[in-house]
């Protein structure tokens, strides 16, 4: 069984850039979520908005990898109008995940918490880690943020039980 699969959708290239960098760091397989009939320009942007706001699920092109064959599936989405990108919603609805999951998102401003909550509901699993990234961070602070995320994915974020504390009793002087 291969250890990690990264699946993502990207319209502007920001999410793709993060997915590719994660795949290199994790020695992971990479799979792009692609819709059957993509639209470019203003019409495509408007369709993305409508689909995201309405929670629609566009038809997807066939995938090459089976997420059930991996120990960890990392799912990446752009934030569209404070929502999960509709192709990612389609993928999550079509692929019941039985393994560990982690999420990342790229965004212009805000919406990560709402997106991660929706992804958790769609995946029916609590993620082992999440990574929200502003587009400016993708362009500037990506390495540091990715290193911390990878560390968490590899178990570095687990809390160890606290060592027992021994209280010192002082006798009155």
N, C-alpha and C. Protein backbone atom coordinates (compact mmCIF):
# COMPACT_ATOMS: atom_id res chain seq x y z
N UNK A 1 0.85 -1.19 0.00
CA UNK A 1 0.00 0.00 0.00
C UNK A 1 0.89 1.24 0.00
N UNK A 2 0.62 2.16 -0.91
CA UNK A 2 1.35 3.42 -0.98
C UNK A 2 0.93 4.28 0.20
N UNK A 3 1.81 5.08 0.68
CA UNK A 3 1.55 5.83 1.90
C UNK A 3 0.59 7.02 1.71
N UNK A 4 0.85 7.90 0.74
CA UNK A 4 0.08 9.15 0.65
C UNK A 4 -0.36 9.46 -0.78
N UNK A 5 -1.61 9.92 -0.89
CA UNK A 5 -2.16 10.43 -2.14
C UNK A 5 -2.59 11.86 -1.90
N UNK A 6 -2.23 12.73 -2.81
CA UNK A 6 -2.69 14.12 -2.75
C UNK A 6 -3.61 14.34 -3.94
N UNK A 7 -4.84 14.75 -3.65
CA UNK A 7 -5.80 15.09 -4.69
C UNK A 7 -6.15 16.56 -4.54
N UNK A 8 -6.35 17.24 -5.65
CA UNK A 8 -6.60 18.67 -5.59
C UNK A 8 -7.31 19.14 -6.85
N UNK A 9 -7.93 20.31 -6.72
CA UNK A 9 -8.44 21.02 -7.88
C UNK A 9 -7.84 22.41 -7.83
N UNK A 10 -7.49 22.94 -9.00
CA UNK A 10 -6.91 24.28 -9.06
C UNK A 10 -7.38 24.99 -10.31
N UNK A 11 -7.85 26.18 -10.14
CA UNK A 11 -8.29 26.99 -11.29
C UNK A 11 -7.21 28.01 -11.67
N UNK A 12 -6.62 28.64 -10.65
CA UNK A 12 -5.64 29.70 -10.90
C UNK A 12 -4.20 29.22 -10.83
N UNK A 13 -3.99 28.01 -10.29
CA UNK A 13 -2.63 27.49 -10.17
C UNK A 13 -2.08 27.51 -8.76
N UNK A 14 -2.69 28.27 -7.85
CA UNK A 14 -2.18 28.34 -6.47
C UNK A 14 -2.30 26.98 -5.77
N UNK A 15 -3.45 26.35 -5.85
CA UNK A 15 -3.66 25.07 -5.18
C UNK A 15 -2.77 24.00 -5.82
N UNK A 16 -2.61 24.05 -7.12
CA UNK A 16 -1.73 23.10 -7.81
C UNK A 16 -0.29 23.24 -7.32
N UNK A 17 0.16 24.45 -7.17
CA UNK A 17 1.53 24.69 -6.71
C UNK A 17 1.76 24.09 -5.32
N UNK A 18 0.79 24.26 -4.43
CA UNK A 18 0.89 23.69 -3.08
C UNK A 18 0.87 22.16 -3.16
N UNK A 19 -0.04 21.60 -3.95
CA UNK A 19 -0.15 20.15 -4.09
C UNK A 19 1.15 19.55 -4.60
N UNK A 20 1.75 20.16 -5.59
CA UNK A 20 3.00 19.65 -6.15
C UNK A 20 4.13 19.72 -5.13
N UNK A 21 4.20 20.81 -4.38
CA UNK A 21 5.24 20.94 -3.35
C UNK A 21 5.05 19.90 -2.24
N UNK A 22 3.80 19.66 -1.85
CA UNK A 22 3.52 18.64 -0.84
C UNK A 22 3.89 17.24 -1.35
N UNK A 23 3.56 16.97 -2.59
CA UNK A 23 3.87 15.65 -3.17
C UNK A 23 5.38 15.40 -3.15
N UNK A 24 6.16 16.42 -3.45
CA UNK A 24 7.62 16.27 -3.41
C UNK A 24 8.10 16.00 -1.99
N UNK A 25 7.58 16.76 -1.02
CA UNK A 25 8.02 16.59 0.37
C UNK A 25 7.62 15.25 0.95
N UNK A 26 6.45 14.76 0.58
CA UNK A 26 5.92 13.52 1.15
C UNK A 26 6.18 12.28 0.29
N UNK A 27 6.83 12.46 -0.84
CA UNK A 27 7.02 11.37 -1.80
C UNK A 27 5.65 10.72 -2.09
N UNK A 28 4.68 11.57 -2.36
CA UNK A 28 3.28 11.14 -2.51
C UNK A 28 2.89 11.07 -3.98
N UNK A 29 1.86 10.28 -4.26
CA UNK A 29 1.23 10.31 -5.58
C UNK A 29 0.33 11.53 -5.65
N UNK A 30 0.15 12.04 -6.85
CA UNK A 30 -0.58 13.29 -7.06
C UNK A 30 -1.66 13.05 -8.10
N UNK A 31 -2.86 13.56 -7.83
CA UNK A 31 -3.99 13.39 -8.75
C UNK A 31 -4.78 14.70 -8.81
N UNK A 32 -4.95 15.21 -10.01
CA UNK A 32 -5.73 16.43 -10.19
C UNK A 32 -7.20 16.08 -10.41
N UNK A 33 -8.07 16.79 -9.71
CA UNK A 33 -9.52 16.65 -9.90
C UNK A 33 -9.91 17.57 -11.05
N UNK A 34 -10.41 16.99 -12.12
CA UNK A 34 -10.75 17.79 -13.30
C UNK A 34 -12.21 17.57 -13.67
N UNK A 35 -12.87 18.66 -14.01
CA UNK A 35 -14.27 18.54 -14.43
C UNK A 35 -14.35 18.17 -15.91
N UNK A 36 -15.50 17.62 -16.30
CA UNK A 36 -15.69 17.16 -17.67
C UNK A 36 -15.70 18.33 -18.65
N UNK A 37 -16.44 19.40 -18.31
CA UNK A 37 -16.57 20.52 -19.23
C UNK A 37 -16.13 21.83 -18.57
N UNK A 38 -14.82 22.07 -18.52
CA UNK A 38 -14.36 23.32 -17.90
C UNK A 38 -14.70 24.53 -18.76
N UNK A 39 -14.97 25.63 -18.10
CA UNK A 39 -15.23 26.91 -18.78
C UNK A 39 -14.14 27.89 -18.37
N UNK A 40 -13.67 28.64 -19.31
CA UNK A 40 -12.67 29.65 -19.02
C UNK A 40 -13.28 31.04 -18.93
N UNK A 41 -12.46 32.01 -18.61
CA UNK A 41 -12.87 33.41 -18.61
C UNK A 41 -13.96 33.75 -17.61
N UNK A 42 -14.72 34.80 -17.93
CA UNK A 42 -15.77 35.30 -17.05
C UNK A 42 -16.88 34.26 -16.87
N UNK A 43 -17.24 33.56 -17.94
CA UNK A 43 -18.29 32.54 -17.83
C UNK A 43 -17.87 31.44 -16.86
N UNK A 44 -16.62 31.02 -16.91
CA UNK A 44 -16.11 30.00 -16.01
C UNK A 44 -16.09 30.48 -14.57
N UNK A 45 -15.67 31.71 -14.38
CA UNK A 45 -15.65 32.30 -13.03
C UNK A 45 -17.06 32.37 -12.46
N UNK A 46 -18.02 32.81 -13.27
CA UNK A 46 -19.42 32.88 -12.82
C UNK A 46 -19.96 31.49 -12.49
N UNK A 47 -19.64 30.50 -13.31
CA UNK A 47 -20.11 29.14 -13.04
C UNK A 47 -19.51 28.61 -11.75
N UNK A 48 -18.25 28.91 -11.50
CA UNK A 48 -17.60 28.48 -10.24
C UNK A 48 -18.35 29.08 -9.05
N UNK A 49 -18.69 30.34 -9.14
CA UNK A 49 -19.40 31.02 -8.06
C UNK A 49 -20.76 30.36 -7.81
N UNK A 50 -21.51 30.15 -8.87
CA UNK A 50 -22.84 29.55 -8.74
C UNK A 50 -22.75 28.15 -8.14
N UNK A 51 -21.85 27.33 -8.66
CA UNK A 51 -21.70 25.96 -8.16
C UNK A 51 -21.29 25.93 -6.70
N UNK A 52 -20.35 26.80 -6.32
CA UNK A 52 -19.87 26.82 -4.94
C UNK A 52 -20.97 27.27 -3.99
N UNK A 53 -21.64 28.35 -4.31
CA UNK A 53 -22.69 28.89 -3.44
C UNK A 53 -23.85 27.91 -3.31
N UNK A 54 -24.23 27.26 -4.41
CA UNK A 54 -25.38 26.34 -4.40
C UNK A 54 -25.01 24.93 -3.95
N UNK A 55 -23.71 24.66 -3.76
CA UNK A 55 -23.30 23.32 -3.34
C UNK A 55 -23.47 22.28 -4.44
N UNK A 56 -23.33 22.69 -5.69
CA UNK A 56 -23.51 21.78 -6.82
C UNK A 56 -22.29 20.88 -6.99
N UNK A 57 -22.48 19.80 -7.73
CA UNK A 57 -21.41 18.83 -7.94
C UNK A 57 -21.28 18.54 -9.44
N UNK A 58 -20.33 19.18 -10.11
CA UNK A 58 -20.16 18.95 -11.54
C UNK A 58 -19.60 17.55 -11.82
N UNK A 59 -19.82 17.08 -13.03
CA UNK A 59 -19.28 15.78 -13.45
C UNK A 59 -17.77 15.89 -13.55
N UNK A 60 -17.09 14.82 -13.13
CA UNK A 60 -15.62 14.80 -13.13
C UNK A 60 -15.09 13.83 -14.16
N UNK A 61 -13.88 14.10 -14.63
CA UNK A 61 -13.18 13.16 -15.49
C UNK A 61 -12.72 11.99 -14.62
N UNK A 62 -12.56 10.82 -15.21
CA UNK A 62 -12.11 9.66 -14.43
C UNK A 62 -10.75 9.92 -13.79
N UNK A 63 -10.58 9.34 -12.60
CA UNK A 63 -9.32 9.46 -11.87
C UNK A 63 -8.49 8.21 -12.17
N UNK A 64 -7.18 8.33 -11.98
CA UNK A 64 -6.27 7.23 -12.25
C UNK A 64 -5.91 6.43 -10.99
N UNK A 65 -6.08 7.04 -9.82
CA UNK A 65 -5.68 6.39 -8.58
C UNK A 65 -6.88 6.17 -7.66
N UNK A 66 -6.84 5.06 -6.94
CA UNK A 66 -7.90 4.72 -6.00
C UNK A 66 -7.48 5.17 -4.60
N UNK A 67 -8.21 6.12 -4.00
CA UNK A 67 -7.81 6.60 -2.68
C UNK A 67 -7.85 5.52 -1.59
N UNK A 68 -8.60 4.45 -1.81
CA UNK A 68 -8.66 3.37 -0.82
C UNK A 68 -7.33 2.62 -0.72
N UNK A 69 -6.46 2.81 -1.68
CA UNK A 69 -5.17 2.12 -1.69
C UNK A 69 -4.08 2.87 -0.93
N UNK A 70 -4.45 3.95 -0.24
CA UNK A 70 -3.47 4.80 0.44
C UNK A 70 -3.77 4.89 1.93
N UNK A 71 -2.73 5.07 2.71
CA UNK A 71 -2.88 5.24 4.15
C UNK A 71 -3.38 6.63 4.52
N UNK A 72 -2.97 7.62 3.74
CA UNK A 72 -3.34 9.02 3.98
C UNK A 72 -3.75 9.66 2.67
N UNK A 73 -4.88 10.37 2.68
CA UNK A 73 -5.31 11.13 1.51
C UNK A 73 -5.36 12.60 1.92
N UNK A 74 -4.59 13.43 1.22
CA UNK A 74 -4.56 14.87 1.46
C UNK A 74 -5.35 15.53 0.33
N UNK A 75 -6.36 16.32 0.70
CA UNK A 75 -7.27 16.91 -0.28
C UNK A 75 -7.10 18.42 -0.27
N UNK A 76 -6.86 18.98 -1.46
CA UNK A 76 -6.64 20.41 -1.58
C UNK A 76 -7.71 21.07 -2.43
N UNK A 77 -8.14 22.24 -1.97
CA UNK A 77 -9.19 22.99 -2.67
C UNK A 77 -8.90 24.48 -2.63
N UNK A 78 -9.26 25.20 -3.68
CA UNK A 78 -9.33 26.65 -3.54
C UNK A 78 -10.62 26.99 -2.79
N UNK A 79 -10.65 28.13 -2.17
CA UNK A 79 -11.88 28.60 -1.52
C UNK A 79 -12.61 29.46 -2.55
N UNK A 80 -13.82 29.03 -2.88
CA UNK A 80 -14.65 29.77 -3.82
C UNK A 80 -15.85 30.31 -3.07
N UNK A 81 -15.92 31.61 -2.94
CA UNK A 81 -17.04 32.27 -2.27
C UNK A 81 -17.32 31.63 -0.91
N UNK A 82 -16.25 31.50 -0.11
CA UNK A 82 -16.30 30.95 1.25
C UNK A 82 -16.80 29.51 1.27
N UNK A 83 -16.59 28.78 0.17
CA UNK A 83 -17.07 27.41 0.03
C UNK A 83 -16.01 26.51 -0.59
N UNK A 84 -16.22 25.21 -0.43
CA UNK A 84 -15.38 24.21 -1.10
C UNK A 84 -15.60 24.35 -2.60
N UNK A 85 -14.54 24.27 -3.37
CA UNK A 85 -14.68 24.29 -4.83
C UNK A 85 -15.56 23.11 -5.25
N UNK A 86 -16.48 23.36 -6.17
CA UNK A 86 -17.44 22.34 -6.55
C UNK A 86 -16.81 21.04 -7.08
N UNK A 87 -15.69 21.07 -7.82
CA UNK A 87 -15.09 19.80 -8.22
C UNK A 87 -14.60 18.97 -7.02
N UNK A 88 -14.10 19.63 -6.00
CA UNK A 88 -13.65 18.92 -4.80
C UNK A 88 -14.85 18.34 -4.06
N UNK A 89 -15.94 19.09 -4.03
CA UNK A 89 -17.19 18.57 -3.43
C UNK A 89 -17.62 17.30 -4.18
N UNK A 90 -17.60 17.34 -5.51
CA UNK A 90 -17.97 16.17 -6.31
C UNK A 90 -17.07 14.98 -5.97
N UNK A 91 -15.76 15.23 -5.88
CA UNK A 91 -14.82 14.15 -5.61
C UNK A 91 -15.07 13.55 -4.23
N UNK A 92 -15.26 14.40 -3.22
CA UNK A 92 -15.50 13.90 -1.87
C UNK A 92 -16.80 13.09 -1.79
N UNK A 93 -17.82 13.52 -2.50
CA UNK A 93 -19.08 12.77 -2.49
C UNK A 93 -18.95 11.43 -3.21
N UNK A 94 -18.08 11.36 -4.21
CA UNK A 94 -17.93 10.14 -5.00
C UNK A 94 -16.94 9.13 -4.40
N UNK A 95 -16.12 9.58 -3.44
CA UNK A 95 -15.08 8.71 -2.90
C UNK A 95 -15.19 8.59 -1.40
N UNK A 96 -15.90 7.58 -0.92
CA UNK A 96 -15.95 7.38 0.53
C UNK A 96 -14.55 7.04 1.04
N UNK A 97 -14.08 7.81 1.98
CA UNK A 97 -12.72 7.63 2.48
C UNK A 97 -12.72 6.81 3.75
N UNK A 98 -11.89 5.82 3.78
CA UNK A 98 -11.81 4.93 4.93
C UNK A 98 -10.46 5.05 5.63
N UNK A 99 -9.65 5.95 5.21
CA UNK A 99 -8.31 6.14 5.75
C UNK A 99 -8.18 7.52 6.38
N UNK A 100 -6.99 7.80 6.85
CA UNK A 100 -6.70 9.13 7.41
C UNK A 100 -6.79 10.18 6.29
N UNK A 101 -7.25 11.37 6.66
CA UNK A 101 -7.36 12.46 5.70
C UNK A 101 -6.72 13.71 6.30
N UNK A 102 -6.30 14.60 5.41
CA UNK A 102 -5.84 15.93 5.78
C UNK A 102 -6.32 16.87 4.69
N UNK A 103 -6.48 18.14 5.04
CA UNK A 103 -7.02 19.12 4.09
C UNK A 103 -6.10 20.32 4.00
N UNK A 104 -6.03 20.91 2.80
CA UNK A 104 -5.43 22.23 2.65
C UNK A 104 -6.29 23.05 1.70
N UNK A 105 -6.21 24.36 1.87
CA UNK A 105 -6.95 25.24 0.98
C UNK A 105 -6.12 26.48 0.69
N UNK A 106 -6.39 27.07 -0.47
CA UNK A 106 -5.78 28.35 -0.84
C UNK A 106 -6.92 29.33 -1.04
N UNK A 107 -6.66 30.58 -0.68
CA UNK A 107 -7.73 31.57 -0.74
C UNK A 107 -7.18 32.97 -0.89
N UNK A 108 -8.02 33.83 -1.41
CA UNK A 108 -7.65 35.23 -1.53
C UNK A 108 -7.77 35.97 -0.22
N UNK A 109 -8.73 35.57 0.63
CA UNK A 109 -8.94 36.31 1.87
C UNK A 109 -9.36 35.47 3.05
N UNK A 110 -10.54 34.87 2.98
CA UNK A 110 -11.04 34.14 4.15
C UNK A 110 -11.92 32.98 3.71
N UNK A 111 -12.36 32.19 4.69
CA UNK A 111 -13.27 31.09 4.42
C UNK A 111 -12.74 29.73 4.80
N UNK A 112 -11.50 29.65 5.26
CA UNK A 112 -10.88 28.35 5.53
C UNK A 112 -11.66 27.52 6.55
N UNK A 113 -12.07 28.11 7.65
CA UNK A 113 -12.75 27.32 8.68
C UNK A 113 -14.06 26.73 8.16
N UNK A 114 -14.78 27.52 7.42
CA UNK A 114 -16.05 27.04 6.84
C UNK A 114 -15.77 25.92 5.82
N UNK A 115 -14.74 26.09 5.02
CA UNK A 115 -14.39 25.09 4.02
C UNK A 115 -13.94 23.79 4.69
N UNK A 116 -13.10 23.89 5.72
CA UNK A 116 -12.63 22.68 6.41
C UNK A 116 -13.78 21.96 7.10
N UNK A 117 -14.73 22.70 7.64
CA UNK A 117 -15.90 22.07 8.27
C UNK A 117 -16.72 21.32 7.22
N UNK A 118 -16.91 21.92 6.06
CA UNK A 118 -17.65 21.25 4.98
C UNK A 118 -16.91 20.02 4.48
N UNK A 119 -15.60 20.11 4.35
CA UNK A 119 -14.81 18.98 3.89
C UNK A 119 -14.87 17.83 4.91
N UNK A 120 -14.83 18.18 6.17
CA UNK A 120 -14.91 17.16 7.22
C UNK A 120 -16.26 16.43 7.12
N UNK A 121 -17.32 17.18 6.92
CA UNK A 121 -18.65 16.58 6.80
C UNK A 121 -18.73 15.69 5.55
N UNK A 122 -18.20 16.17 4.44
CA UNK A 122 -18.24 15.39 3.19
C UNK A 122 -17.37 14.13 3.28
N UNK A 123 -16.21 14.25 3.91
CA UNK A 123 -15.29 13.11 4.02
C UNK A 123 -15.70 12.14 5.12
N UNK A 124 -16.54 12.62 6.02
CA UNK A 124 -16.99 11.82 7.17
C UNK A 124 -15.82 11.38 8.05
N UNK A 125 -14.79 12.23 8.07
CA UNK A 125 -13.60 11.98 8.90
C UNK A 125 -13.06 13.31 9.41
N UNK A 126 -12.55 13.27 10.61
CA UNK A 126 -11.83 14.42 11.15
C UNK A 126 -10.43 14.41 10.55
N UNK A 127 -9.98 15.53 10.01
CA UNK A 127 -8.64 15.53 9.41
C UNK A 127 -7.55 15.46 10.49
N UNK A 128 -6.44 14.81 10.13
CA UNK A 128 -5.30 14.76 11.05
C UNK A 128 -4.57 16.10 11.07
N UNK A 129 -4.75 16.90 10.01
CA UNK A 129 -4.13 18.22 9.94
C UNK A 129 -4.86 19.04 8.87
N UNK A 130 -4.80 20.35 9.04
CA UNK A 130 -5.35 21.27 8.04
C UNK A 130 -4.32 22.37 7.78
N UNK A 131 -4.34 22.90 6.58
CA UNK A 131 -3.41 23.97 6.20
C UNK A 131 -4.15 25.01 5.38
N UNK A 132 -4.50 26.15 6.01
CA UNK A 132 -5.08 27.25 5.23
C UNK A 132 -3.96 28.15 4.72
N UNK A 133 -4.02 28.53 3.46
CA UNK A 133 -3.00 29.39 2.88
C UNK A 133 -3.63 30.54 2.09
N UNK A 134 -3.22 31.73 2.42
CA UNK A 134 -3.59 32.87 1.59
C UNK A 134 -2.73 32.83 0.33
N UNK A 135 -3.24 33.37 -0.76
CA UNK A 135 -2.47 33.39 -2.00
C UNK A 135 -1.12 34.07 -1.80
N UNK A 136 -1.08 35.11 -0.99
CA UNK A 136 0.18 35.80 -0.71
C UNK A 136 1.17 34.88 -0.02
N UNK A 137 0.69 33.96 0.83
CA UNK A 137 1.57 33.01 1.50
C UNK A 137 2.10 31.97 0.52
N UNK A 138 1.28 31.59 -0.45
CA UNK A 138 1.73 30.65 -1.47
C UNK A 138 2.89 31.28 -2.23
N UNK A 139 2.82 32.58 -2.44
CA UNK A 139 3.87 33.27 -3.18
C UNK A 139 5.07 33.64 -2.32
N UNK A 140 4.91 33.64 -0.97
CA UNK A 140 6.01 34.12 -0.15
C UNK A 140 6.47 33.23 0.99
N UNK A 141 5.57 32.66 1.75
CA UNK A 141 5.93 31.91 2.96
C UNK A 141 5.63 30.43 2.84
N UNK A 142 5.61 29.91 1.65
CA UNK A 142 5.14 28.55 1.44
C UNK A 142 6.02 27.50 2.11
N UNK A 143 7.32 27.60 1.97
CA UNK A 143 8.20 26.56 2.50
C UNK A 143 8.02 26.35 3.99
N UNK A 144 8.01 27.41 4.76
CA UNK A 144 7.86 27.30 6.22
C UNK A 144 6.52 26.68 6.59
N UNK A 145 5.46 27.12 5.95
CA UNK A 145 4.12 26.59 6.24
C UNK A 145 4.00 25.12 5.83
N UNK A 146 4.56 24.76 4.68
CA UNK A 146 4.51 23.37 4.24
C UNK A 146 5.32 22.47 5.16
N UNK A 147 6.48 22.94 5.59
CA UNK A 147 7.29 22.13 6.50
C UNK A 147 6.53 21.81 7.78
N UNK A 148 5.84 22.79 8.34
CA UNK A 148 5.07 22.56 9.57
C UNK A 148 3.92 21.59 9.31
N UNK A 149 3.25 21.72 8.18
CA UNK A 149 2.14 20.82 7.83
C UNK A 149 2.64 19.39 7.65
N UNK A 150 3.74 19.22 6.93
CA UNK A 150 4.31 17.89 6.71
C UNK A 150 4.73 17.28 8.05
N UNK A 151 5.32 18.07 8.91
CA UNK A 151 5.72 17.59 10.24
C UNK A 151 4.50 17.06 11.00
N UNK A 152 3.40 17.79 10.91
CA UNK A 152 2.16 17.36 11.57
C UNK A 152 1.62 16.08 10.94
N UNK A 153 1.66 15.98 9.62
CA UNK A 153 1.19 14.79 8.93
C UNK A 153 2.01 13.55 9.29
N UNK A 154 3.28 13.76 9.54
CA UNK A 154 4.17 12.65 9.84
C UNK A 154 4.17 12.29 11.33
N UNK A 155 3.24 12.88 12.07
CA UNK A 155 3.12 12.52 13.47
C UNK A 155 3.82 13.45 14.43
N UNK A 156 4.48 14.46 13.93
CA UNK A 156 5.20 15.39 14.79
C UNK A 156 4.28 16.28 15.59
N UNK A 157 3.01 16.35 15.21
CA UNK A 157 2.07 17.20 15.92
C UNK A 157 1.37 16.49 17.05
N UNK A 158 1.64 15.19 17.22
CA UNK A 158 0.98 14.46 18.30
C UNK A 158 1.47 14.95 19.65
N UNK A 159 0.55 15.05 20.56
CA UNK A 159 0.91 15.46 21.91
C UNK A 159 1.33 14.25 22.71
N UNK A 160 2.38 14.42 23.44
CA UNK A 160 2.83 13.37 24.33
C UNK A 160 2.21 13.62 25.70
N UNK A 161 1.96 12.55 26.43
CA UNK A 161 1.43 12.76 27.77
C UNK A 161 2.43 13.55 28.61
N UNK A 162 1.89 14.44 29.39
CA UNK A 162 2.76 15.26 30.23
C UNK A 162 3.41 14.38 31.29
N UNK A 163 4.67 14.69 31.58
CA UNK A 163 5.37 13.96 32.64
C UNK A 163 4.72 14.29 33.97
N UNK A 164 4.66 13.31 34.87
CA UNK A 164 4.04 13.60 36.16
C UNK A 164 4.80 14.71 36.87
N UNK A 165 4.06 15.56 37.46
CA UNK A 165 4.67 16.68 38.19
C UNK A 165 4.75 16.29 39.66
N UNK A 166 5.88 16.52 40.21
CA UNK A 166 6.09 16.23 41.63
C UNK A 166 6.01 17.54 42.37
N UNK A 167 5.09 17.59 43.29
CA UNK A 167 4.99 18.83 44.06
C UNK A 167 6.01 18.78 45.19
N UNK A 168 6.53 19.92 45.44
CA UNK A 168 7.50 20.03 46.53
C UNK A 168 6.81 20.67 47.71
N UNK A 169 6.89 19.99 48.82
CA UNK A 169 6.28 20.52 50.04
C UNK A 169 7.40 21.11 50.87
N UNK A 170 7.21 22.34 51.20
CA UNK A 170 8.23 23.01 52.00
C UNK A 170 7.71 23.12 53.42
N UNK A 171 8.55 22.73 54.33
CA UNK A 171 8.19 22.88 55.75
C UNK A 171 8.30 24.34 56.14
N UNK A 172 7.42 24.80 57.00
CA UNK A 172 7.54 26.19 57.43
C UNK A 172 8.85 26.42 58.15
N UNK A 173 9.39 27.60 57.94
CA UNK A 173 10.68 27.92 58.56
C UNK A 173 10.52 28.41 59.96
